[in-house]
């Protein structure tokens, strides 16, 4: 599946997770595991809360990461390739083109607040 069609089939939760990974990578975070992604997602949820019921827990983030990995949008780094601080959790990196990810976010009217928050950072 090419990146464009993979992005087109992503759920709202998956798009939020992709956005979190991009933000963490842009900040230079070298410890992008599911907990860091979850925390980044939760920090951005107020900007789109009308479209999200509740918060994103680790289970929802892990499910989204699994689907994104299978579609080739995200790559999982094995835990043994990470520092002991990572406590054995795999790390994740974006494989999809960053501009394509943001276009997918822009195209989803539910994420206008998330994209606007991003442009202000």
Protein backbone atom coordinates (compact mmCIF):
# COMPACT_ATOMS: atom_id res chain seq x y z
CA UNK A 1 0.00 0.00 0.00
CA UNK A 2 1.46 3.37 -0.94
CA UNK A 3 1.76 6.12 1.62
CA UNK A 4 -1.02 8.25 0.15
CA UNK A 5 -3.65 5.50 0.21
CA UNK A 6 -2.43 4.33 3.62
CA UNK A 7 -2.91 7.86 4.97
CA UNK A 8 -6.35 8.11 3.38
CA UNK A 9 -7.51 5.06 5.30
CA UNK A 10 -6.32 6.20 8.74
CA UNK A 11 -8.76 6.69 11.59
CA UNK A 12 -9.00 9.81 13.71
CA UNK A 13 -6.96 8.17 16.48
CA UNK A 14 -4.28 7.08 14.00
CA UNK A 15 -4.00 10.63 12.62
CA UNK A 16 -3.60 12.01 16.13
CA UNK A 17 -0.86 9.44 16.80
CA UNK A 18 0.90 10.35 13.53
CA UNK A 19 0.77 14.00 14.49
CA UNK A 20 2.29 13.20 17.88
CA UNK A 21 5.17 11.27 16.30
CA UNK A 22 5.92 14.15 13.92
CA UNK A 23 5.90 16.64 16.79
CA UNK A 24 8.20 14.48 18.93
CA UNK A 25 10.62 13.96 16.05
CA UNK A 26 10.67 17.68 15.26
CA UNK A 27 11.63 18.42 18.85
CA UNK A 28 14.48 15.95 18.53
CA UNK A 29 13.13 13.50 21.10
CA UNK A 30 15.12 10.30 20.85
CA UNK A 31 12.79 8.37 23.12
CA UNK A 32 9.59 8.10 21.10
CA UNK A 33 7.84 5.17 22.72
CA UNK A 34 4.13 4.57 23.26
CA UNK A 35 4.08 6.50 26.54
CA UNK A 36 5.72 9.58 25.01
CA UNK A 37 3.28 9.37 22.09
CA UNK A 38 0.32 8.98 24.45
CA UNK A 39 1.41 12.01 26.49
CA UNK A 40 1.86 14.11 23.34
CA UNK A 41 -1.60 13.06 22.12
CA UNK A 42 -3.21 13.95 25.43
CA UNK A 43 -1.56 17.35 25.36
CA UNK A 44 -3.14 18.10 21.99
CA UNK A 45 -6.63 16.67 22.61
CA UNK A 46 -8.14 19.88 24.02
CA UNK A 47 -7.83 21.47 20.57
CA UNK A 48 -10.09 18.79 19.04
CA UNK A 49 -12.05 17.57 22.07
CA UNK A 50 -15.43 17.89 20.36
CA UNK A 51 -14.46 14.98 18.07
CA UNK A 52 -12.80 12.72 20.64
CA UNK A 53 -14.67 10.93 23.39
CA UNK A 54 -12.49 10.58 26.49
CA UNK A 55 -8.73 10.53 26.30
CA UNK A 56 -6.32 8.32 24.45
CA UNK A 57 -4.99 5.62 26.72
CA UNK A 58 -1.97 3.45 26.09
CA UNK A 59 -4.14 0.65 24.66
CA UNK A 60 -5.62 2.95 22.00
CA UNK A 61 -2.19 4.33 21.15
CA UNK A 62 -0.70 0.82 20.89
CA UNK A 63 -3.54 -0.32 18.63
CA UNK A 64 -3.05 2.72 16.39
CA UNK A 65 0.74 2.17 16.30
CA UNK A 66 0.24 -1.46 15.29
CA UNK A 67 -2.04 -0.48 12.41
CA UNK A 68 0.26 2.34 11.29
CA UNK A 69 3.24 -0.02 11.36
CA UNK A 70 1.41 -2.63 9.27
CA UNK A 71 0.55 0.07 6.71
CA UNK A 72 4.18 1.17 6.48
CA UNK A 73 3.55 4.67 7.84
CA UNK A 74 5.54 4.09 11.02
CA UNK A 75 8.53 1.88 11.82
CA UNK A 76 8.99 0.16 15.15
CA UNK A 77 12.52 0.12 16.57
CA UNK A 78 13.24 -2.94 18.69
CA UNK A 79 13.76 -2.30 22.38
CA UNK A 80 17.30 -3.75 22.34
CA UNK A 81 18.35 -0.89 20.04
CA UNK A 82 17.42 1.62 22.74
CA UNK A 83 18.96 2.85 25.94
CA UNK A 84 18.11 1.22 29.28
CA UNK A 85 16.00 4.30 30.07
CA UNK A 86 13.45 3.04 27.54
CA UNK A 87 12.63 0.13 29.84
CA UNK A 88 12.27 -2.30 26.97
CA UNK A 89 9.55 -0.41 25.11
CA UNK A 90 10.03 -0.26 21.36
CA UNK A 91 10.50 3.14 19.78
CA UNK A 92 8.68 4.49 16.73
CA UNK A 93 9.71 6.65 13.80
CA UNK A 94 7.68 8.16 10.98
CA UNK A 95 8.15 6.50 7.59
CA UNK A 96 5.50 8.50 5.74
CA UNK A 97 6.43 11.85 4.24
CA UNK A 98 5.88 14.53 6.86
CA UNK A 99 4.21 16.87 4.36
CA UNK A 100 1.82 14.09 3.32
CA UNK A 101 0.92 13.48 6.96
CA UNK A 102 0.10 17.16 7.47
CA UNK A 103 -1.93 17.23 4.26
CA UNK A 104 -3.97 14.30 5.60
CA UNK A 105 -4.50 16.23 8.83
CA UNK A 106 -5.51 19.39 6.98
CA UNK A 107 -7.94 17.42 4.82
CA UNK A 108 -9.75 16.09 7.91
CA UNK A 109 -12.07 18.83 9.17
CA UNK A 110 -12.15 17.22 12.63
CA UNK A 111 -8.47 18.08 13.05
CA UNK A 112 -8.57 21.78 12.21
CA UNK A 113 -7.75 22.70 15.81
CA UNK A 114 -4.83 20.29 15.90
CA UNK A 115 -3.36 21.66 12.68
CA UNK A 116 -3.91 25.26 13.83
CA UNK A 117 -2.13 24.48 17.12
CA UNK A 118 0.73 23.02 15.12
CA UNK A 119 1.12 26.10 12.95
CA UNK A 120 1.38 28.28 16.08
CA UNK A 121 4.25 26.23 17.59
